[in-house]
Amino acid sequence: MGPGNAVETLAGLLLLFVVPGYAVTRAVFPEWRMRGENALRRGVEVLTLSFVLSVSLTVLLGYVLLSAFSGGFSAAWSDPLLEATLAAVTLVAGSVAYLRGAFARVPPIPPRWTEEEPGEEGAWEVTVELDRLAREERRLEHDLRRIGADPERTRALRSSLEGVRAERESLERRREAEIGA
């Protein structure tokens, strides 16, 4: 296997398993950025979508090409019909992604239809915050039982506990009012 074959193999694998799906993913989700605190999660999402979409596009386009040509086609560089079709899909999707701002420094504003109605946003985040406050409340109660006879520390822990309880109750009341409205 010479260096030309290795390059050809790498290019073919990228064209079949990564590049078309990446272009389509960026065209569909131009606001996704792989930076900041969610970079790893977003990178895994993009990589997974790229792989799945590339394989799906390869199978779909292969089927269409087999159906369109009675003699079939050869998936090789000597008869690059499938590769040319995948490259065309990649170029079109990449152009759409570029026009939608996927490669711009500042992400585009997400479409209006992705915004949630009032009262529906953050249900998961509210639940997570309520769980965090409940854990903090239990920790403070445990510290109060364990602390002994230190009045200064007891006063500080009771104050913190009252603040956590007030925050939790306020969050629960606000959430119930949003759901009831």
C-alpha atoms as a PDB file:
ATOM      1  CA  MET A   1       0.000   0.000   0.000  1.00  0.00           C
ATOM      2  CA  GLY A   2       1.696   3.152  -1.225  1.00  0.00           C
ATOM      3  CA  PRO A   3       1.258   6.710   0.009  1.00  0.00           C
ATOM      4  CA  GLY A   4      -1.258   7.405  -2.755  1.00  0.00           C
ATOM      5  CA  ASN A   5      -3.455   4.558  -1.581  1.00  0.00           C
ATOM      6  CA  ALA A   6      -3.295   5.761   2.033  1.00  0.00           C
ATOM      7  CA  VAL A   7      -4.361   9.270   1.029  1.00  0.00           C
ATOM      8  CA  GLU A   8      -7.114   7.849  -1.177  1.00  0.00           C
ATOM      9  CA  THR A   9      -8.327   5.632   1.657  1.00  0.00           C
ATOM     10  CA  LEU A  10      -8.337   8.493   4.173  1.00  0.00           C
ATOM     11  CA  ALA A  11     -10.160  10.810   1.753  1.00  0.00           C
ATOM     12  CA  GLY A  12     -12.726   8.113   1.006  1.00  0.00           C
ATOM     13  CA  LEU A  13     -13.339   7.362   4.679  1.00  0.00           C
ATOM     14  CA  LEU A  14     -13.771  11.049   5.499  1.00  0.00           C
ATOM     15  CA  LEU A  15     -16.110  11.499   2.531  1.00  0.00           C
ATOM     16  CA  LEU A  16     -18.195   8.476   3.520  1.00  0.00           C
ATOM     17  CA  PHE A  17     -18.266   8.877   7.310  1.00  0.00           C
ATOM     18  CA  VAL A  18     -17.707  12.503   8.330  1.00  0.00           C
ATOM     19  CA  VAL A  19     -17.692  15.392   5.872  1.00  0.00           C
ATOM     20  CA  PRO A  20     -21.217  15.328   4.334  1.00  0.00           C
ATOM     21  CA  GLY A  21     -22.845  14.877   7.731  1.00  0.00           C
ATOM     22  CA  TYR A  22     -20.742  17.663   9.235  1.00  0.00           C
ATOM     23  CA  ALA A  23     -21.772  20.045   6.449  1.00  0.00           C
ATOM     24  CA  VAL A  24     -25.445  19.141   6.867  1.00  0.00           C
ATOM     25  CA  THR A  25     -25.203  19.452  10.664  1.00  0.00           C
ATOM     26  CA  ARG A  26     -23.681  22.918  10.403  1.00  0.00           C
ATOM     27  CA  ALA A  27     -26.318  23.933   7.836  1.00  0.00           C
ATOM     28  CA  VAL A  28     -29.170  22.796  10.074  1.00  0.00           C
ATOM     29  CA  PHE A  29     -27.698  24.092  13.356  1.00  0.00           C
ATOM     30  CA  PRO A  30     -25.598  27.169  12.468  1.00  0.00           C
ATOM     31  CA  GLU A  31     -25.833  28.580  15.999  1.00  0.00           C
ATOM     32  CA  TRP A  32     -24.011  25.618  17.584  1.00  0.00           C
ATOM     33  CA  ARG A  33     -20.541  26.516  18.801  1.00  0.00           C
ATOM     34  CA  MET A  34     -17.922  24.179  20.188  1.00  0.00           C
ATOM     35  CA  ARG A  35     -16.546  26.662  22.676  1.00  0.00           C
ATOM     36  CA  GLY A  36     -17.124  27.516  26.294  1.00  0.00           C
ATOM     37  CA  GLU A  37     -18.423  25.352  29.090  1.00  0.00           C
ATOM     38  CA  ASN A  38     -20.501  23.092  26.800  1.00  0.00           C
ATOM     39  CA  ALA A  39     -17.752  22.555  24.224  1.00  0.00           C
ATOM     40  CA  LEU A  40     -17.212  18.858  24.927  1.00  0.00           C
ATOM     41  CA  ARG A  41     -20.920  18.030  24.901  1.00  0.00           C
ATOM     42  CA  ARG A  42     -21.508  20.044  21.734  1.00  0.00           C
ATOM     43  CA  GLY A  43     -18.463  18.441  20.074  1.00  0.00           C
ATOM     44  CA  VAL A  44     -19.796  14.964  20.834  1.00  0.00           C
ATOM     45  CA  GLU A  45     -23.210  15.959  19.465  1.00  0.00           C
ATOM     46  CA  VAL A  46     -21.716  17.342  16.253  1.00  0.00           C
ATOM     47  CA  LEU A  47     -19.435  14.334  15.782  1.00  0.00           C
ATOM     48  CA  THR A  48     -22.280  11.885  16.375  1.00  0.00           C
ATOM     49  CA  LEU A  49     -24.646  13.713  14.048  1.00  0.00           C
ATOM     50  CA  SER A  50     -21.913  13.997  11.431  1.00  0.00           C
ATOM     51  CA  PHE A  51     -21.270  10.263  11.496  1.00  0.00           C
ATOM     52  CA  VAL A  52     -24.937   9.238  11.491  1.00  0.00           C
ATOM     53  CA  LEU A  53     -25.903  11.703   8.756  1.00  0.00           C
ATOM     54  CA  SER A  54     -22.911  10.768   6.607  1.00  0.00           C
ATOM     55  CA  VAL A  55     -23.689   7.070   6.786  1.00  0.00           C
ATOM     56  CA  SER A  56     -27.378   7.761   6.142  1.00  0.00           C
ATOM     57  CA  LEU A  57     -26.600   9.986   3.160  1.00  0.00           C
ATOM     58  CA  THR A  58     -24.189   7.410   1.754  1.00  0.00           C
ATOM     59  CA  VAL A  59     -26.780   4.641   1.982  1.00  0.00           C
ATOM     60  CA  LEU A  60     -29.567   6.826   0.611  1.00  0.00           C
ATOM     61  CA  LEU A  61     -27.532   8.209  -2.279  1.00  0.00           C
ATOM     62  CA  GLY A  62     -26.140   4.755  -3.040  1.00  0.00           C
ATOM     63  CA  TYR A  63     -29.663   3.379  -3.247  1.00  0.00           C
ATOM     64  CA  VAL A  64     -30.810   6.243  -5.475  1.00  0.00           C
ATOM     65  CA  LEU A  65     -27.829   5.764  -7.789  1.00  0.00           C
ATOM     66  CA  LEU A  66     -28.400   2.011  -7.968  1.00  0.00           C
ATOM     67  CA  SER A  67     -32.053   2.597  -8.805  1.00  0.00           C
ATOM     68  CA  ALA A  68     -31.295   5.318 -11.364  1.00  0.00           C
ATOM     69  CA  PHE A  69     -28.699   3.361 -13.355  1.00  0.00           C
ATOM     70  CA  SER A  70     -29.667  -0.075 -14.592  1.00  0.00           C
ATOM     71  CA  GLY A  71     -26.048  -1.259 -14.711  1.00  0.00           C
ATOM     72  CA  GLY A  72     -25.327   0.043 -11.217  1.00  0.00           C
ATOM     73  CA  PHE A  73     -22.150   1.891 -10.354  1.00  0.00           C
ATOM     74  CA  SER A  74     -18.784   1.164  -8.833  1.00  0.00           C
ATOM     75  CA  ALA A  75     -17.916   2.887  -5.558  1.00  0.00           C
ATOM     76  CA  ALA A  76     -14.292   3.453  -6.526  1.00  0.00           C
ATOM     77  CA  TRP A  77     -12.158   6.372  -7.651  1.00  0.00           C
ATOM     78  CA  SER A  78     -12.141   4.858 -11.170  1.00  0.00           C
ATOM     79  CA  ASP A  79     -15.931   5.420 -11.283  1.00  0.00           C
ATOM     80  CA  PRO A  80     -16.467   8.210  -8.736  1.00  0.00           C
ATOM     81  CA  LEU A  81     -20.231   8.650  -9.118  1.00  0.00           C
ATOM     82  CA  LEU A  82     -21.050   8.080  -5.435  1.00  0.00           C
ATOM     83  CA  GLU A  83     -18.073  10.158  -4.318  1.00  0.00           C
ATOM     84  CA  ALA A  84     -19.009  12.992  -6.688  1.00  0.00           C
ATOM     85  CA  THR A  85     -22.597  12.926  -5.433  1.00  0.00           C
ATOM     86  CA  LEU A  86     -21.451  13.003  -1.804  1.00  0.00           C
ATOM     87  CA  ALA A  87     -19.051  15.844  -2.623  1.00  0.00           C
ATOM     88  CA  ALA A  88     -21.892  17.779  -4.286  1.00  0.00           C
ATOM     89  CA  VAL A  89     -24.114  17.298  -1.230  1.00  0.00           C
ATOM     90  CA  THR A  90     -21.213  18.454   0.948  1.00  0.00           C
ATOM     91  CA  LEU A  91     -20.643  21.576  -1.153  1.00  0.00           C
ATOM     92  CA  VAL A  92     -24.335  22.503  -1.172  1.00  0.00           C
ATOM     93  CA  ALA A  93     -24.726  21.916   2.582  1.00  0.00           C
ATOM     94  CA  GLY A  94     -21.454  23.747   3.300  1.00  0.00           C
ATOM     95  CA  SER A  95     -22.633  26.716   1.220  1.00  0.00           C
ATOM     96  CA  VAL A  96     -25.949  26.792   3.063  1.00  0.00           C
ATOM     97  CA  ALA A  97     -24.101  26.583   6.393  1.00  0.00           C
ATOM     98  CA  TYR A  98     -21.829  29.458   5.379  1.00  0.00           C
ATOM     99  CA  LEU A  99     -24.777  31.596   4.261  1.00  0.00           C
ATOM    100  CA  ARG A 100     -26.599  30.881   7.526  1.00  0.00           C
ATOM    101  CA  GLY A 101     -23.550  32.038   9.529  1.00  0.00           C
ATOM    102  CA  ALA A 102     -22.341  28.692  10.850  1.00  0.00           C
ATOM    103  CA  PHE A 103     -18.684  29.645  10.393  1.00  0.00           C
ATOM    104  CA  ALA A 104     -19.003  33.271  11.520  1.00  0.00           C
ATOM    105  CA  ARG A 105     -17.178  34.424  14.640  1.00  0.00           C
ATOM    106  CA  VAL A 106     -20.448  35.471  16.285  1.00  0.00           C
ATOM    107  CA  PRO A 107     -23.199  32.841  16.183  1.00  0.00           C
ATOM    108  CA  PRO A 108     -26.407  33.765  14.418  1.00  0.00           C
ATOM    109  CA  ILE A 109     -29.550  34.341  16.421  1.00  0.00           C
ATOM    110  CA  PRO A 110     -31.479  31.066  16.755  1.00  0.00           C
ATOM    111  CA  PRO A 111     -34.746  30.898  14.821  1.00  0.00           C
ATOM    112  CA  ARG A 112     -37.857  32.189  16.535  1.00  0.00           C
ATOM    113  CA  TRP A 113     -39.501  28.749  16.644  1.00  0.00           C
ATOM    114  CA  THR A 114     -36.881  27.470  19.076  1.00  0.00           C
ATOM    115  CA  GLU A 115     -38.006  29.833  21.818  1.00  0.00           C
ATOM    116  CA  GLU A 116     -40.265  28.301  24.429  1.00  0.00           C
ATOM    117  CA  GLU A 117     -43.517  29.708  25.670  1.00  0.00           C
ATOM    118  CA  PRO A 118     -43.561  31.470  29.064  1.00  0.00           C
ATOM    119  CA  GLY A 119     -43.910  28.948  31.881  1.00  0.00           C
ATOM    120  CA  GLU A 120     -42.366  26.143  29.819  1.00  0.00           C
ATOM    121  CA  GLU A 121     -38.754  27.260  29.821  1.00  0.00           C
ATOM    122  CA  GLY A 122     -36.367  25.823  32.263  1.00  0.00           C
ATOM    123  CA  ALA A 123     -38.456  22.995  33.715  1.00  0.00           C
ATOM    124  CA  TRP A 124     -35.354  20.839  33.866  1.00  0.00           C
ATOM    125  CA  GLU A 125     -33.219  23.671  35.187  1.00  0.00           C
ATOM    126  CA  VAL A 126     -35.786  24.479  37.895  1.00  0.00           C
ATOM    127  CA  THR A 127     -35.876  20.821  38.948  1.00  0.00           C
ATOM    128  CA  VAL A 128     -32.083  20.686  39.092  1.00  0.00           C
ATOM    129  CA  GLU A 129     -31.978  23.901  41.137  1.00  0.00           C
ATOM    130  CA  LEU A 130     -34.647  22.587  43.542  1.00  0.00           C
ATOM    131  CA  ASP A 131     -32.636  19.383  43.982  1.00  0.00           C
ATOM    132  CA  ARG A 132     -29.481  21.405  44.639  1.00  0.00           C
ATOM    133  CA  LEU A 133     -31.290  23.527  47.239  1.00  0.00           C
ATOM    134  CA  ALA A 134     -32.718  20.400  48.930  1.00  0.00           C
ATOM    135  CA  ARG A 135     -29.217  18.876  49.149  1.00  0.00           C
ATOM    136  CA  GLU A 136     -27.835  22.119  50.564  1.00  0.00           C
ATOM    137  CA  GLU A 137     -30.669  22.232  53.103  1.00  0.00           C
ATOM    138  CA  ARG A 138     -29.940  18.640  54.224  1.00  0.00           C
ATOM    139  CA  ARG A 139     -26.218  19.394  54.464  1.00  0.00           C
ATOM    140  CA  LEU A 140     -26.844  22.460  56.629  1.00  0.00           C
ATOM    141  CA  GLU A 141     -29.246  20.521  58.892  1.00  0.00           C
ATOM    142  CA  HIS A 142     -26.619  17.797  59.270  1.00  0.00           C
ATOM    143  CA  ASP A 143     -23.948  20.376  60.118  1.00  0.00           C
ATOM    144  CA  LEU A 144     -26.277  21.902  62.732  1.00  0.00           C
ATOM    145  CA  ARG A 145     -26.792  18.523  64.418  1.00  0.00           C
ATOM    146  CA  ARG A 146     -23.078  17.772  64.350  1.00  0.00           C
ATOM    147  CA  ILE A 147     -21.652  21.165  65.364  1.00  0.00           C
ATOM    148  CA  GLY A 148     -22.172  20.996  69.114  1.00  0.00           C
ATOM    149  CA  ALA A 149     -22.184  24.062  71.373  1.00  0.00           C
ATOM    150  CA  ASP A 150     -20.580  26.765  69.237  1.00  0.00           C
ATOM    151  CA  PRO A 151     -23.151  29.613  69.301  1.00  0.00           C
ATOM    152  CA  GLU A 152     -21.404  31.726  66.643  1.00  0.00           C
ATOM    153  CA  ARG A 153     -21.219  28.862  64.147  1.00  0.00           C
ATOM    154  CA  THR A 154     -24.767  27.705  65.013  1.00  0.00           C
ATOM    155  CA  ARG A 155     -26.133  31.199  64.326  1.00  0.00           C
ATOM    156  CA  ALA A 156     -24.337  31.351  60.956  1.00  0.00           C
ATOM    157  CA  LEU A 157     -25.592  27.890  59.951  1.00  0.00           C
ATOM    158  CA  ARG A 158     -29.175  28.711  60.976  1.00  0.00           C
ATOM    159  CA  SER A 159     -29.017  31.911  58.952  1.00  0.00           C
ATOM    160  CA  SER A 160     -27.728  30.026  55.903  1.00  0.00           C
ATOM    161  CA  LEU A 161     -30.395  27.352  56.375  1.00  0.00           C
ATOM    162  CA  GLU A 162     -33.171  29.963  56.532  1.00  0.00           C
ATOM    163  CA  GLY A 163     -31.844  31.595  53.360  1.00  0.00           C
ATOM    164  CA  VAL A 164     -31.750  28.265  51.484  1.00  0.00           C
ATOM    165  CA  ARG A 165     -35.269  27.368  52.668  1.00  0.00           C
ATOM    166  CA  ALA A 166     -36.581  30.787  51.645  1.00  0.00           C
ATOM    167  CA  GLU A 167     -34.969  30.480  48.204  1.00  0.00           C
ATOM    168  CA  ARG A 168     -36.378  26.963  47.704  1.00  0.00           C
ATOM    169  CA  GLU A 169     -39.878  27.988  48.792  1.00  0.00           C
ATOM    170  CA  SER A 170     -39.771  31.086  46.590  1.00  0.00           C
ATOM    171  CA  LEU A 171     -38.706  29.000  43.596  1.00  0.00           C
ATOM    172  CA  GLU A 172     -41.467  26.462  44.270  1.00  0.00           C
ATOM    173  CA  ARG A 173     -44.120  29.198  44.595  1.00  0.00           C
ATOM    174  CA  ARG A 174     -42.947  30.945  41.417  1.00  0.00           C
ATOM    175  CA  ARG A 175     -42.961  27.670  39.467  1.00  0.00           C
ATOM    176  CA  GLU A 176     -46.449  26.739  40.762  1.00  0.00           C
ATOM    177  CA  ALA A 177     -47.735  30.198  39.800  1.00  0.00           C
ATOM    178  CA  GLU A 178     -46.292  29.815  36.269  1.00  0.00           C
ATOM    179  CA  ILE A 179     -47.848  26.383  35.853  1.00  0.00           C
ATOM    180  CA  GLY A 180     -51.195  27.556  37.228  1.00  0.00           C
ATOM    181  CA  ALA A 181     -51.334  30.619  34.982  1.00  0.00           C
END
